[in-house]
Amino acid sequence: MLLYLDMFHNIWYNIGMFIKLTKSGKNEYAYIVRSYREDGETKHEYLFNLGRLDEIQNNPSFERLGLRILELAQSKRAIDMGKMSEAEMVNWGYLVYKKLWDEFELNSVLEEIQKCGKTQFSLSDACFLMVIEHLLSPKSKLAIYDRQGGYINLPEVKLQHLYRALDKLDLHKEALEDTLYLKRRNLFNKQVDVVFYDVTTFSFESVKADTLREFGYSKDGKANEVQVVLGLLINADGYPIGYELFPGNTFEGNTLETALEKLEKRFGLRRVIIVADRGINSKINLKRITDRGYSYIFASRIRKMGKKIEDLIFDPAGYNEFTSEKDGTVRYKVVDYTNYVTGEEGKKVALAEKLLITYSDRRAKKDRADRLRLIEKAHSLLEDPGRIKATNKRGGKKYLKNTGQETWLLDVETIARDERFDGYYAIQTNETELPATEILEAYRTLWKIEESFKIMKSTLEVRPVFHWTEPRIKGHFVVCFLAFLLERTLEFKLARAGVEGASPERIREALNSLNFAEVEIDGRKLLIKTKGTELSSKILRILRIKHPKNVSTPEELTL
C-alpha cells in the first residue's frame, strides 16, 4: 500500500499536488496538498484528507482508486511525468443552482424572450453565467468573461454577448418577472396574501448624474455618490415577488404607487395586506392602498398623533405582556383610532384603525443609544457651523435649532420629548378584526425584507454598480433579481429539510468547495474530485444530485 502512496505522490507532485504525511498524536495521516506560488512565495493548500496511514494500508478501496488512475493514464505501472500538465481547479458546485434554474424553466423562458428580436447568441447561457458569478464569485462582466473556464462543462460566452444580454433583459424585465411569479403562484393560495414592501438605495462609484442615477438620501451613508432607489416586494415566506428601480433622488414614500399597480394589474392579487415601515407611512399612501381594497400594517409615527394618543401611550392601564426571544418582555395595548385622509374633491375620509402600542426595555436601551449618538453628532456640527446647512435633517441636525440669525443651538426640548418615547413603538392597521398577536407577527416578519436587502448588498454584492448606460444598469438588476431568487429558493429548501445555519455565506462556501483538479496526460484530461464540506454534502443529498466519481474523464462525467 505504501507503494501506491509513493506512486500518487510522484503523479500529483508534478501537477502541483503531492501527498503529505502528518503525525498527530500516535497516528500518521495522509493529505492531498496543492502547492502554488503567491506574491513570490510557495504556499500549500490542503485539498482533502486521505485518512490515517494505518487504515489506508491494505485498503482495497484505495487500491482500486490507484489502479483506476493508472488505467485512465493508459499505463499499467507508471506514468510519463513529462507528459502531465499542471492542475487547474474547476468548479462543479454551480450545478446546484443549475438544477434550480431548470426547476424555474428559465432556459425556456429566456429562449422565448430571445425570439423577440434578432438575437443570435444564447441568451440563456449568457444570463446563467452572470447569475452563477453573482452567486459564487461576484465580479465585473469583464472578469466574468475571463474566468468562465473555471466552471466545468459550461458553454463559452463571448464578452459582447454578456453586455447585449443585459440590454435584452432590460427590455423584457416585466415579462420575465410575470412568468416567474406565475410559476410560484401556488405560494399565494391563502385567503389573504401578506406582502412586505420596503425601499433601499444602491450607490455607484461615480458623481455623474443622469435620468436614473441621482444624488439623494443614501441608506448606506454614501451621500457623495449617485445612486438608484429600489423598491422590493416579497411574500410572507421571503420569496421575491418583484422590484422597481427609481431615480436616486426619489423619496421612498413616493414609490409605493408603482408597487401597488404591479400587485393589482400585473399579478391580479385582490386581497392583500401591505406591511411596511414608517418611511412608507403617509396619508396619501394609506389612501392609495384602501382605494384598491387592500389593507395595511404600518409602523406608526406616534410622535405626530397628538396629545390624546400620547396620553393613552403613557397611561399604564390596559397593557398586557408577552415574552419574545428577540425583545424580552414586551408590554402592549390595543386602542381604537380614527385616521382621516383626504379623498376625492378634497373631502376627508375616515379610516377605522387599530393602534397597537408596544413597549420593551430592550428597545428603550436601543432608542437611548441611538439618541446619544445623534446628540454627539449635533455637538460635532456646532463646532463646525459651516457644515450644518448642508447636513441632512435625519442626522445630528435633528437636535439643532436655528435662532433665525444663522445661529444654531442644541434643541433640548426636542431631546427631552424624544426621551419620553424611549422603548415605545406603535403599529397601525385597518384590519380591525385581526388579533393583536397576528398584527405583531405580521409586522415582526418585516425583518425578512431587511434580510433580503442585506443578502443583495453583501452576499450578492449588487453594489457598487459599474455599468454606465441606463439599459445595462437595469439589466444588471434583473440578473441580481434572478440570482436572489435562486439563492432564496435554495435557502428555503434547506430550511424545510431541517438544515440549520445554512446562511448565504455558508452556502456559497459549500458550493465553492465542490471542485475538480483537472490535469492532462498524453492529451487526455483527468478530473480528480476534491473534498467538499459537510454542508455541501447535505445540499447535494437534499437536491438529489449525485456525487461524481473521485477520478474520471470529461467523457465519463455525468452531472
Protein backbone atom coordinates (compact mmCIF):
# COMPACT_ATOMS: atom_id res chain seq x y z
CA MET A 1 0.00 0.00 0.00
CA LEU A 2 2.90 2.38 0.63
CA LEU A 3 3.86 1.73 -2.98
CA TYR A 4 0.56 3.29 -4.09
CA LEU A 5 1.13 6.31 -1.86
CA ASP A 6 4.54 6.80 -3.42
CA MET A 7 3.07 6.47 -6.92
CA PHE A 8 0.33 9.02 -6.12
CA HIS A 9 2.91 11.34 -4.63
CA ASN A 10 5.01 11.23 -7.80
CA ILE A 11 1.98 11.70 -10.06
CA TRP A 12 0.43 14.59 -8.17
CA TYR A 13 3.72 16.30 -7.32
CA ASN A 14 4.16 17.01 -10.99
CA ILE A 15 0.72 18.65 -11.28
CA GLY A 16 1.22 20.93 -8.31
CA MET A 17 -0.18 18.43 -5.81
CA PHE A 18 1.51 15.92 -3.56
CA ILE A 19 0.79 13.58 -0.67
CA LYS A 20 1.91 14.85 2.70
CA LEU A 21 2.18 12.65 5.79
CA THR A 22 1.48 14.42 9.09
CA LYS A 23 1.77 12.92 12.55
CA SER A 24 -0.90 13.75 15.13
CA GLY A 25 -0.61 12.01 18.47
CA LYS A 26 0.16 8.34 17.87
CA ASN A 27 -1.21 8.31 14.32
CA GLU A 28 0.01 9.41 10.91
CA TYR A 29 -2.38 10.98 8.38
CA ALA A 30 -2.08 11.34 4.60
CA TYR A 31 -3.29 14.51 2.88
CA ILE A 32 -3.54 15.61 -0.73
CA VAL A 33 -1.89 19.03 -0.79
CA ARG A 34 -1.71 21.58 -3.60
CA SER A 35 1.41 23.69 -3.99
CA TYR A 36 1.19 27.15 -5.55
CA ARG A 37 3.05 30.44 -5.60
CA GLU A 38 1.59 33.74 -4.42
CA ASP A 39 3.46 37.03 -4.07
CA GLY A 40 6.71 35.21 -4.82
CA GLU A 41 6.19 32.69 -2.01
CA THR A 42 5.38 28.99 -2.16
CA LYS A 43 2.18 28.13 -0.29
CA HIS A 44 0.26 24.93 0.36
CA GLU A 45 -3.48 24.24 0.30
CA TYR A 46 -4.88 21.06 1.91
CA LEU A 47 -7.37 19.66 -0.60
CA PHE A 48 -8.59 16.57 1.24
CA ASN A 49 -7.66 14.08 3.93
CA LEU A 50 -6.97 10.53 2.73
CA GLY A 51 -7.22 9.26 6.30
CA ARG A 52 -4.99 7.51 8.83
CA LEU A 53 -2.00 5.79 7.27
CA ASP A 54 -2.66 2.51 9.08
CA GLU A 55 -6.22 2.48 7.69
CA ILE A 56 -5.01 3.27 4.16
CA GLN A 57 -2.56 0.39 4.14
CA ASN A 58 -4.02 -2.71 2.52
CA ASN A 59 -7.30 -0.89 1.92
CA PRO A 60 -8.99 -2.43 -1.18
CA SER A 61 -10.87 0.79 -1.99
CA PHE A 62 -7.67 2.78 -2.04
CA GLU A 63 -6.01 0.15 -4.19
CA ARG A 64 -8.86 0.28 -6.70
CA LEU A 65 -8.52 4.07 -6.84
CA GLY A 66 -4.81 3.75 -7.57
CA LEU A 67 -5.38 1.20 -10.30
CA ARG A 68 -8.11 3.36 -11.83
CA ILE A 69 -5.78 6.37 -12.03
CA LEU A 70 -3.16 4.25 -13.75
CA GLU A 71 -5.77 2.85 -16.13
CA LEU A 72 -7.05 6.30 -17.07
CA ALA A 73 -3.47 7.39 -17.62
CA GLN A 74 -3.06 4.47 -20.10
CA SER A 75 -0.28 2.95 -18.08
CA LYS A 76 -0.07 -0.32 -16.25
CA ARG A 77 2.55 0.61 -13.70
CA ALA A 78 3.90 4.09 -14.38
CA ILE A 79 3.15 7.43 -15.95
CA ASP A 80 5.42 9.59 -18.08
CA MET A 81 5.74 12.61 -15.79
CA GLY A 82 7.00 14.76 -18.63
CA LYS A 83 3.64 14.44 -20.39
CA MET A 84 1.49 15.55 -17.46
CA SER A 85 0.16 19.11 -17.26
CA GLU A 86 -0.20 21.28 -14.19
CA ALA A 87 -3.51 21.00 -12.37
CA GLU A 88 -6.29 23.56 -12.77
CA MET A 89 -9.21 23.83 -10.34
CA VAL A 90 -12.68 23.84 -11.93
CA ASN A 91 -15.95 24.20 -10.07
CA TRP A 92 -18.90 21.82 -10.40
CA GLY A 93 -20.86 23.08 -7.37
CA TYR A 94 -22.68 25.55 -9.64
CA LEU A 95 -24.80 22.58 -10.76
CA VAL A 96 -26.86 23.01 -7.59
CA TYR A 97 -28.12 26.34 -8.93
CA LYS A 98 -28.43 24.85 -12.42
CA LYS A 99 -30.98 22.41 -11.01
CA LEU A 100 -33.00 25.28 -9.51
CA TRP A 101 -32.62 27.22 -12.77
CA ASP A 102 -34.18 24.24 -14.53
CA GLU A 103 -36.98 23.99 -11.94
CA PHE A 104 -37.99 27.54 -12.88
CA GLU A 105 -37.68 26.54 -16.56
CA LEU A 106 -35.56 29.62 -17.12
CA ASN A 107 -33.95 28.22 -20.27
CA SER A 108 -37.37 28.05 -21.92
CA VAL A 109 -38.40 31.46 -20.59
CA LEU A 110 -35.24 33.11 -21.94
CA GLU A 111 -35.50 31.27 -25.25
CA GLU A 112 -38.95 32.82 -25.72
CA ILE A 113 -37.55 36.24 -24.89
CA GLN A 114 -34.71 35.66 -27.34
CA LYS A 115 -37.22 35.12 -30.14
CA CYS A 116 -38.43 38.70 -29.65
CA GLY A 117 -35.69 40.19 -31.80
CA LYS A 118 -32.65 39.22 -33.82
CA THR A 119 -30.51 37.82 -31.02
CA GLN A 120 -28.21 35.13 -32.46
CA PHE A 121 -26.33 34.11 -29.31
CA SER A 122 -27.76 32.00 -26.46
CA LEU A 123 -29.41 34.46 -24.08
CA SER A 124 -29.89 31.68 -21.54
CA ASP A 125 -26.18 30.75 -21.50
CA ALA A 126 -25.14 34.37 -21.07
CA CYS A 127 -27.65 35.03 -18.28
CA PHE A 128 -26.86 31.81 -16.42
CA LEU A 129 -23.13 32.58 -16.43
CA MET A 130 -23.75 36.06 -14.96
CA VAL A 131 -26.19 34.68 -12.36
CA ILE A 132 -23.72 31.98 -11.27
CA GLU A 133 -20.95 34.51 -10.85
CA HIS A 134 -23.19 36.70 -8.70
CA LEU A 135 -23.97 33.70 -6.52
CA LEU A 136 -20.50 32.19 -6.22
CA SER A 137 -17.94 34.89 -7.03
CA PRO A 138 -19.34 38.37 -7.77
CA LYS A 139 -17.22 40.41 -10.17
CA SER A 140 -17.38 42.70 -13.21
CA LYS A 141 -18.64 41.44 -16.57
CA LEU A 142 -15.10 41.54 -18.00
CA ALA A 143 -13.84 39.41 -15.10
CA ILE A 144 -16.79 37.03 -15.58
CA TYR A 145 -15.76 36.58 -19.22
CA ASP A 146 -12.12 35.98 -18.30
CA ARG A 147 -12.95 33.44 -15.57
CA GLN A 148 -15.74 31.43 -17.22
CA GLY A 149 -13.36 28.49 -17.77
CA GLY A 150 -13.46 27.97 -14.01
CA TYR A 151 -16.76 26.06 -14.34
CA ILE A 152 -16.74 22.54 -15.75
CA ASN A 153 -18.79 21.96 -18.92
CA LEU A 154 -20.27 25.47 -19.15
CA PRO A 155 -20.69 26.75 -22.74
CA GLU A 156 -18.34 29.59 -23.60
CA VAL A 157 -19.94 33.04 -23.81
CA LYS A 158 -18.39 35.99 -25.63
CA LEU A 159 -17.86 39.25 -23.76
CA GLN A 160 -20.09 41.31 -26.08
CA HIS A 161 -22.88 38.78 -25.55
CA LEU A 162 -22.81 39.42 -21.80
CA TYR A 163 -23.41 43.13 -22.38
CA ARG A 164 -26.03 42.56 -25.06
CA ALA A 165 -27.82 40.14 -22.72
CA LEU A 166 -28.20 42.99 -20.19
CA ASP A 167 -29.86 45.16 -22.85
CA LYS A 168 -32.25 42.30 -23.66
CA LEU A 169 -33.11 41.71 -20.01
CA ASP A 170 -33.93 45.37 -19.55
CA LEU A 171 -36.44 45.25 -22.43
CA HIS A 172 -38.18 42.14 -21.08
CA LYS A 173 -37.85 42.63 -17.31
CA GLU A 174 -41.60 42.73 -16.67
CA ALA A 175 -42.37 39.69 -18.83
CA LEU A 176 -39.68 37.69 -17.03
CA GLU A 177 -40.95 38.86 -13.63
CA ASP A 178 -44.55 37.94 -14.50
CA THR A 179 -43.59 34.47 -15.75
CA LEU A 180 -41.59 33.69 -12.62
CA TYR A 181 -44.46 34.89 -10.45
CA LEU A 182 -46.93 32.60 -12.24
CA LYS A 183 -44.58 29.66 -11.72
CA ARG A 184 -44.70 30.30 -7.99
CA ARG A 185 -48.38 31.22 -7.86
CA ASN A 186 -49.12 28.30 -5.55
CA LEU A 187 -47.42 30.31 -2.81
CA PHE A 188 -50.33 32.76 -2.97
CA ASN A 189 -53.13 30.33 -2.25
CA LYS A 190 -54.14 31.79 1.09
CA GLN A 191 -57.31 33.77 1.60
CA VAL A 192 -55.22 36.83 2.43
CA ASP A 193 -51.85 37.48 0.83
CA VAL A 194 -49.44 39.32 3.12
CA VAL A 195 -46.97 41.32 1.06
CA PHE A 196 -43.93 43.08 2.50
CA TYR A 197 -42.59 46.22 0.88
CA ASP A 198 -39.52 48.28 1.60
CA VAL A 199 -37.06 50.56 -0.14
CA THR A 200 -33.28 50.76 -0.18
CA THR A 201 -30.57 52.50 -2.19
CA PHE A 202 -27.69 51.21 -4.32
CA SER A 203 -24.75 53.51 -4.95
CA PHE A 204 -22.36 53.88 -7.88
CA GLU A 205 -18.68 54.73 -7.82
CA SER A 206 -19.47 57.95 -9.66
CA VAL A 207 -20.59 61.54 -9.17
CA LYS A 208 -22.09 61.78 -12.68
CA ALA A 209 -25.88 62.07 -12.52
CA ASP A 210 -28.36 61.17 -15.27
CA THR A 211 -32.07 60.29 -15.59
CA LEU A 212 -31.67 57.25 -13.30
CA ARG A 213 -28.54 57.80 -11.25
CA GLU A 214 -29.03 60.78 -8.98
CA PHE A 215 -27.90 62.14 -5.63
CA GLY A 216 -30.34 61.50 -2.82
CA TYR A 217 -30.70 60.26 0.73
CA SER A 218 -28.42 57.20 0.88
CA LYS A 219 -29.35 54.41 3.29
CA ASP A 220 -25.70 53.35 3.21
CA GLY A 221 -24.30 56.74 4.12
CA LYS A 222 -22.85 57.34 0.64
CA ALA A 223 -24.07 60.91 0.17
CA ASN A 224 -21.13 61.75 -2.13
CA GLU A 225 -22.11 59.15 -4.78
CA VAL A 226 -25.00 58.92 -7.21
CA GLN A 227 -27.47 56.13 -6.57
CA VAL A 228 -30.69 54.42 -7.60
CA VAL A 229 -33.64 53.62 -5.34
CA LEU A 230 -35.02 50.08 -5.32
CA GLY A 231 -38.45 49.10 -4.02
CA LEU A 232 -38.76 45.37 -3.31
CA LEU A 233 -41.86 43.21 -2.79
CA ILE A 234 -41.60 39.84 -1.07
CA ASN A 235 -44.22 37.43 0.22
CA ALA A 236 -44.63 36.13 3.77
CA ASP A 237 -42.15 33.30 3.12
CA GLY A 238 -39.46 35.71 1.96
CA TYR A 239 -39.66 34.92 -1.75
CA PRO A 240 -39.21 37.96 -4.01
CA ILE A 241 -42.31 38.91 -5.99
CA GLY A 242 -40.84 41.78 -7.95
CA TYR A 243 -38.99 45.07 -7.74
CA GLU A 244 -38.86 48.51 -9.30
CA LEU A 245 -36.00 50.93 -9.86
CA PHE A 246 -36.44 54.67 -9.32
CA PRO A 247 -34.16 57.67 -9.80
CA GLY A 248 -31.79 58.14 -6.89
CA ASN A 249 -33.49 61.31 -5.64
CA THR A 250 -36.93 59.64 -5.27
CA PHE A 251 -38.48 59.89 -1.80
CA GLU A 252 -39.20 56.36 -0.59
CA GLY A 253 -42.81 57.16 0.29
CA ASN A 254 -43.46 58.04 -3.37
CA THR A 255 -42.52 54.57 -4.63
CA LEU A 256 -45.48 52.62 -3.25
CA GLU A 257 -47.95 53.54 -6.01
CA THR A 258 -45.87 51.66 -8.61
CA ALA A 259 -45.69 48.62 -6.34
CA LEU A 260 -49.45 48.63 -5.83
CA GLU A 261 -50.08 48.80 -9.57
CA LYS A 262 -47.77 45.83 -10.01
CA LEU A 263 -49.74 43.77 -7.48
CA GLU A 264 -53.16 44.68 -8.84
CA LYS A 265 -52.77 44.97 -12.61
CA ARG A 266 -49.92 42.59 -13.37
CA PHE A 267 -50.30 39.93 -10.70
CA GLY A 268 -54.04 40.23 -10.18
CA LEU A 269 -53.91 40.00 -6.39
CA ARG A 270 -57.23 41.12 -4.95
CA ARG A 271 -56.86 40.60 -1.20
CA VAL A 272 -53.60 41.95 0.11
CA ILE A 273 -52.20 43.26 3.37
CA ILE A 274 -49.25 45.58 2.75
CA VAL A 275 -46.70 45.51 5.57
CA ALA A 276 -44.14 48.31 5.59
CA ASP A 277 -42.04 50.56 7.81
CA ARG A 278 -42.55 54.21 8.75
CA GLY A 279 -40.84 55.55 5.63
CA ILE A 280 -43.81 54.36 3.53
CA ASN A 281 -46.46 55.53 6.02
CA SER A 282 -48.15 58.65 4.70
CA LYS A 283 -51.81 59.61 4.35
CA ILE A 284 -51.60 59.56 0.56
CA ASN A 285 -50.21 56.01 0.66
CA LEU A 286 -52.95 54.87 3.03
CA LYS A 287 -55.49 56.25 0.56
CA ARG A 288 -53.77 54.52 -2.36
CA ILE A 289 -53.91 51.22 -0.51
CA THR A 290 -57.51 51.46 0.61
CA ASP A 291 -58.69 52.71 -2.80
CA ARG A 292 -57.64 49.32 -4.18
CA GLY A 293 -59.46 47.45 -1.45
CA TYR A 294 -56.15 46.44 0.13
CA SER A 295 -55.23 46.58 3.81
CA TYR A 296 -52.11 47.74 5.59
CA ILE A 297 -49.97 47.11 8.65
CA PHE A 298 -47.57 50.04 9.04
CA ALA A 299 -45.18 51.26 11.65
CA SER A 300 -46.83 54.36 13.11
CA ARG A 301 -45.48 57.85 13.64
CA ILE A 302 -46.72 58.07 17.24
CA ARG A 303 -44.89 61.31 17.99
CA LYS A 304 -47.16 63.08 15.48
CA MET A 305 -50.52 61.63 16.51
CA GLY A 306 -51.49 64.25 19.05
CA LYS A 307 -51.93 64.60 22.80
CA LYS A 308 -54.87 62.19 23.10
CA ILE A 309 -52.79 59.32 21.74
CA GLU A 310 -49.79 60.37 23.82
CA ASP A 311 -51.91 60.17 26.96
CA LEU A 312 -53.03 56.65 26.01
CA ILE A 313 -49.42 55.62 25.37
CA PHE A 314 -48.12 56.77 28.74
CA ASP A 315 -51.17 55.60 30.71
CA PRO A 316 -50.07 52.29 32.33
CA ALA A 317 -53.63 50.96 32.32
CA GLY A 318 -54.63 48.38 29.73
CA TYR A 319 -51.21 46.93 28.94
CA ASN A 320 -50.70 43.17 28.57
CA GLU A 321 -47.40 41.30 28.45
CA PHE A 322 -45.71 38.62 26.39
CA THR A 323 -42.12 37.37 26.19
CA SER A 324 -40.12 37.49 22.98
CA GLU A 325 -36.72 35.88 22.41
CA LYS A 326 -35.65 38.95 20.43
CA ASP A 327 -37.16 41.72 22.59
CA GLY A 328 -37.51 40.11 26.02
CA THR A 329 -40.61 41.16 27.95
CA VAL A 330 -42.92 43.27 25.81
CA ARG A 331 -45.93 45.22 27.08
CA TYR A 332 -48.67 46.07 24.62
CA LYS A 333 -52.15 47.56 24.39
CA VAL A 334 -54.63 47.96 21.54
CA VAL A 335 -56.66 51.13 21.10
CA ASP A 336 -59.22 52.12 18.50
CA TYR A 337 -58.17 55.03 16.32
CA THR A 338 -59.77 57.01 13.52
CA ASN A 339 -57.36 58.21 10.87
CA TYR A 340 -58.52 60.94 8.47
CA VAL A 341 -57.15 61.05 4.94
CA THR A 342 -58.09 63.38 2.10
CA GLY A 343 -60.27 61.73 -0.51
CA GLU A 344 -61.84 62.86 -3.77
CA GLU A 345 -62.66 66.54 -4.17
CA GLY A 346 -60.73 67.33 -1.02
CA LYS A 347 -63.17 65.52 1.25
CA LYS A 348 -61.84 63.87 4.37
CA VAL A 349 -62.29 60.12 4.57
CA ALA A 350 -62.30 58.37 7.95
CA LEU A 351 -60.30 55.15 8.23
CA ALA A 352 -61.15 52.96 11.21
CA GLU A 353 -57.88 51.59 12.56
CA LYS A 354 -56.37 49.62 15.38
CA LEU A 355 -53.32 51.17 17.00
CA LEU A 356 -51.11 48.54 18.62
CA ILE A 357 -48.77 50.20 21.14
CA THR A 358 -45.77 48.25 22.45
CA TYR A 359 -43.00 48.87 24.98
CA SER A 360 -39.85 46.89 25.77
CA ASP A 361 -36.77 47.62 27.89
CA ARG A 362 -34.51 46.37 25.11
CA ARG A 363 -35.98 48.83 22.66
CA ALA A 364 -35.67 51.61 25.25
CA LYS A 365 -31.97 50.84 25.56
CA LYS A 366 -31.54 50.95 21.79
CA ASP A 367 -33.51 54.19 21.44
CA ARG A 368 -31.39 55.78 24.16
CA ALA A 369 -28.14 54.73 22.47
CA ASP A 370 -29.35 56.00 19.07
CA ARG A 371 -30.31 59.35 20.56
CA LEU A 372 -26.98 59.79 22.36
CA ARG A 373 -25.16 59.09 19.11
CA LEU A 374 -27.18 61.81 17.34
CA ILE A 375 -26.56 64.26 20.18
CA GLU A 376 -22.83 63.61 19.82
CA LYS A 377 -23.10 64.36 16.09
CA ALA A 378 -25.07 67.51 16.88
CA HIS A 379 -22.26 68.76 19.18
CA SER A 380 -19.79 68.00 16.39
CA LEU A 381 -21.82 70.14 13.98
CA LEU A 382 -21.95 73.01 16.46
CA GLU A 383 -18.15 73.00 16.50
CA ASP A 384 -18.16 73.47 12.71
CA PRO A 385 -21.32 75.52 11.89
CA GLY A 386 -20.43 75.70 8.20
CA ARG A 387 -21.43 72.05 7.82
CA ILE A 388 -24.90 72.42 9.38
CA LYS A 389 -26.76 73.84 6.40
CA ALA A 390 -25.62 71.06 4.07
CA THR A 391 -26.31 68.31 6.59
CA ASN A 392 -29.33 66.04 6.26
CA LYS A 393 -32.09 66.62 8.82
CA ARG A 394 -32.11 62.90 9.69
CA GLY A 395 -28.66 63.11 11.24
CA GLY A 396 -27.37 65.14 14.16
CA LYS A 397 -29.10 68.21 12.73
CA LYS A 398 -32.34 66.77 14.13
CA TYR A 399 -31.31 68.05 17.57
CA LEU A 400 -30.28 71.54 16.47
CA LYS A 401 -32.48 74.63 16.16
CA ASN A 402 -31.87 77.83 14.27
CA THR A 403 -32.38 81.05 16.25
CA GLY A 404 -33.16 82.88 12.98
CA GLN A 405 -29.77 84.56 12.52
CA GLU A 406 -27.83 81.50 11.26
CA THR A 407 -27.02 80.79 14.87
CA TRP A 408 -27.61 77.23 15.95
CA LEU A 409 -28.26 75.83 19.41
CA LEU A 410 -28.82 72.36 20.85
CA ASP A 411 -32.59 71.69 20.84
CA VAL A 412 -33.00 70.43 24.40
CA GLU A 413 -36.82 70.46 24.16
CA THR A 414 -36.82 68.00 21.23
CA ILE A 415 -34.27 65.82 23.02
CA ALA A 416 -36.44 65.70 26.16
CA ARG A 417 -39.56 64.92 24.12
CA ASP A 418 -37.86 62.05 22.28
CA GLU A 419 -36.57 60.66 25.56
CA ARG A 420 -40.16 60.19 26.78
CA PHE A 421 -40.79 57.77 23.89
CA ASP A 422 -37.80 55.50 24.59
CA GLY A 423 -38.96 51.90 24.27
CA TYR A 424 -42.36 52.71 22.75
CA TYR A 425 -43.38 51.62 19.28
CA ALA A 426 -46.75 51.52 17.56
CA ILE A 427 -48.25 49.68 14.61
CA GLN A 428 -51.40 50.84 12.86
CA THR A 429 -53.71 48.75 10.69
CA ASN A 430 -57.13 48.96 9.11
CA GLU A 431 -57.53 45.19 9.65
CA THR A 432 -59.64 45.79 12.74
CA GLU A 433 -60.66 42.12 13.11
CA LEU A 434 -57.09 40.78 13.28
CA PRO A 435 -55.96 39.70 16.76
CA ALA A 436 -53.12 41.73 18.23
CA THR A 437 -50.77 38.73 18.14
CA GLU A 438 -51.27 38.32 14.37
CA ILE A 439 -50.69 42.02 13.77
CA LEU A 440 -47.44 41.84 15.74
CA GLU A 441 -46.34 38.67 13.97
CA ALA A 442 -47.00 40.18 10.54
CA TYR A 443 -45.04 43.31 11.35
CA ARG A 444 -42.21 41.44 13.02
CA THR A 445 -41.82 39.39 9.86
CA LEU A 446 -40.75 42.60 8.11
CA TRP A 447 -37.19 41.60 9.04
CA LYS A 448 -37.30 39.21 6.08
CA ILE A 449 -37.20 42.08 3.62
CA GLU A 450 -34.41 43.75 5.58
CA GLU A 451 -32.55 40.44 5.40
CA SER A 452 -33.23 40.39 1.64
CA PHE A 453 -31.53 43.76 1.24
CA LYS A 454 -28.60 42.53 3.31
CA ILE A 455 -28.21 39.49 1.04
CA MET A 456 -28.38 41.62 -2.09
CA LYS A 457 -25.87 44.15 -0.79
CA SER A 458 -23.35 41.82 0.85
CA THR A 459 -23.63 38.26 -0.39
CA LEU A 460 -24.58 39.06 -3.99
CA GLU A 461 -22.60 42.33 -3.99
CA VAL A 462 -25.14 44.14 -6.14
CA ARG A 463 -23.44 47.44 -5.36
CA PRO A 464 -21.49 49.41 -6.32
CA VAL A 465 -22.67 49.00 -9.91
CA PHE A 466 -20.07 49.60 -12.61
CA HIS A 467 -22.38 49.95 -15.64
CA TRP A 468 -22.92 53.40 -17.06
CA THR A 469 -25.86 53.18 -19.51
CA GLU A 470 -29.41 53.03 -18.17
CA PRO A 471 -30.42 49.82 -20.03
CA ARG A 472 -27.37 47.97 -18.73
CA ILE A 473 -27.86 49.23 -15.20
CA LYS A 474 -31.43 47.94 -15.33
CA GLY A 475 -30.35 44.66 -16.95
CA HIS A 476 -27.77 44.23 -14.21
CA PHE A 477 -30.52 44.39 -11.59
CA VAL A 478 -32.54 41.75 -13.47
CA VAL A 479 -29.52 39.43 -13.18
CA CYS A 480 -29.29 40.24 -9.47
CA PHE A 481 -33.00 39.53 -9.05
CA LEU A 482 -32.63 36.10 -10.70
CA ALA A 483 -29.62 35.31 -8.51
CA PHE A 484 -31.53 36.38 -5.40
CA LEU A 485 -34.50 34.20 -6.38
CA LEU A 486 -32.28 31.11 -6.76
CA GLU A 487 -30.38 31.80 -3.54
CA ARG A 488 -33.58 32.22 -1.51
CA THR A 489 -35.08 29.09 -3.05
CA LEU A 490 -32.05 27.05 -2.01
CA GLU A 491 -32.14 28.54 1.49
CA PHE A 492 -35.78 27.54 1.95
CA LYS A 493 -35.26 24.04 0.57
CA LEU A 494 -32.52 23.52 3.16
CA ALA A 495 -34.65 25.02 5.95
CA ARG A 496 -37.57 22.75 5.09
CA ALA A 497 -35.20 19.78 5.22
CA GLY A 498 -34.14 20.77 8.76
CA VAL A 499 -30.65 22.05 7.86
CA GLU A 500 -29.71 24.73 10.38
CA GLY A 501 -27.27 27.57 9.93
CA ALA A 502 -27.28 27.47 6.12
CA SER A 503 -26.64 31.18 5.67
CA PRO A 504 -25.97 32.62 2.20
CA GLU A 505 -22.29 32.92 3.11
CA ARG A 506 -22.03 29.28 4.19
CA ILE A 507 -23.94 28.12 1.10
CA ARG A 508 -21.50 29.97 -1.15
CA GLU A 509 -18.54 28.48 0.71
CA ALA A 510 -20.03 24.99 0.43
CA LEU A 511 -20.67 25.20 -3.32
CA ASN A 512 -17.26 26.73 -3.97
CA SER A 513 -15.69 23.70 -2.25
CA LEU A 514 -17.03 21.35 -4.95
CA ASN A 515 -14.16 21.28 -7.43
CA PHE A 516 -12.13 19.06 -9.71
CA ALA A 517 -8.36 19.18 -10.08
CA GLU A 518 -8.12 18.97 -13.87
CA VAL A 519 -4.90 17.58 -15.38
CA GLU A 520 -3.90 16.43 -18.85
CA ILE A 521 -1.89 13.26 -19.53
CA ASP A 522 -0.82 12.40 -23.07
CA GLY A 523 -3.55 14.67 -24.42
CA ARG A 524 -6.27 13.16 -22.22
CA LYS A 525 -7.95 15.14 -19.44
CA LEU A 526 -8.27 13.62 -15.99
CA LEU A 527 -10.59 15.01 -13.29
CA ILE A 528 -9.77 14.40 -9.63
CA LYS A 529 -12.57 15.37 -7.24
CA THR A 530 -11.59 17.44 -4.21
CA LYS A 531 -13.24 17.16 -0.81
CA GLY A 532 -16.32 19.30 -0.17
CA THR A 533 -17.75 20.49 3.13
CA GLU A 534 -20.34 18.88 5.37
CA LEU A 535 -22.93 21.40 4.17
CA SER A 536 -22.15 20.75 0.51
CA SER A 537 -22.88 17.04 1.05
CA LYS A 538 -26.24 17.92 2.64
CA ILE A 539 -27.12 20.23 -0.23
CA LEU A 540 -26.38 17.54 -2.81
CA ARG A 541 -28.41 14.98 -0.88
CA ILE A 542 -31.44 17.27 -0.45
CA LEU A 543 -31.44 18.28 -4.13
CA ARG A 544 -30.79 14.66 -5.15
CA ILE A 545 -27.62 15.43 -7.06
CA LYS A 546 -25.19 12.52 -7.31
CA HIS A 547 -21.55 12.89 -6.36
CA PRO A 548 -19.26 12.42 -9.36
CA LYS A 549 -16.58 9.73 -9.20
CA ASN A 550 -13.40 10.55 -7.33
CA VAL A 551 -11.47 10.21 -10.60
CA SER A 552 -12.98 10.43 -14.07
CA THR A 553 -12.53 11.77 -17.58
CA PRO A 554 -14.73 14.55 -19.03
CA GLU A 555 -16.34 11.94 -21.28
CA GLU A 556 -17.30 9.80 -18.31
CA LEU A 557 -18.57 12.75 -16.30
CA THR A 558 -22.32 12.62 -15.78
CA LEU A 559 -23.53 15.64 -13.85
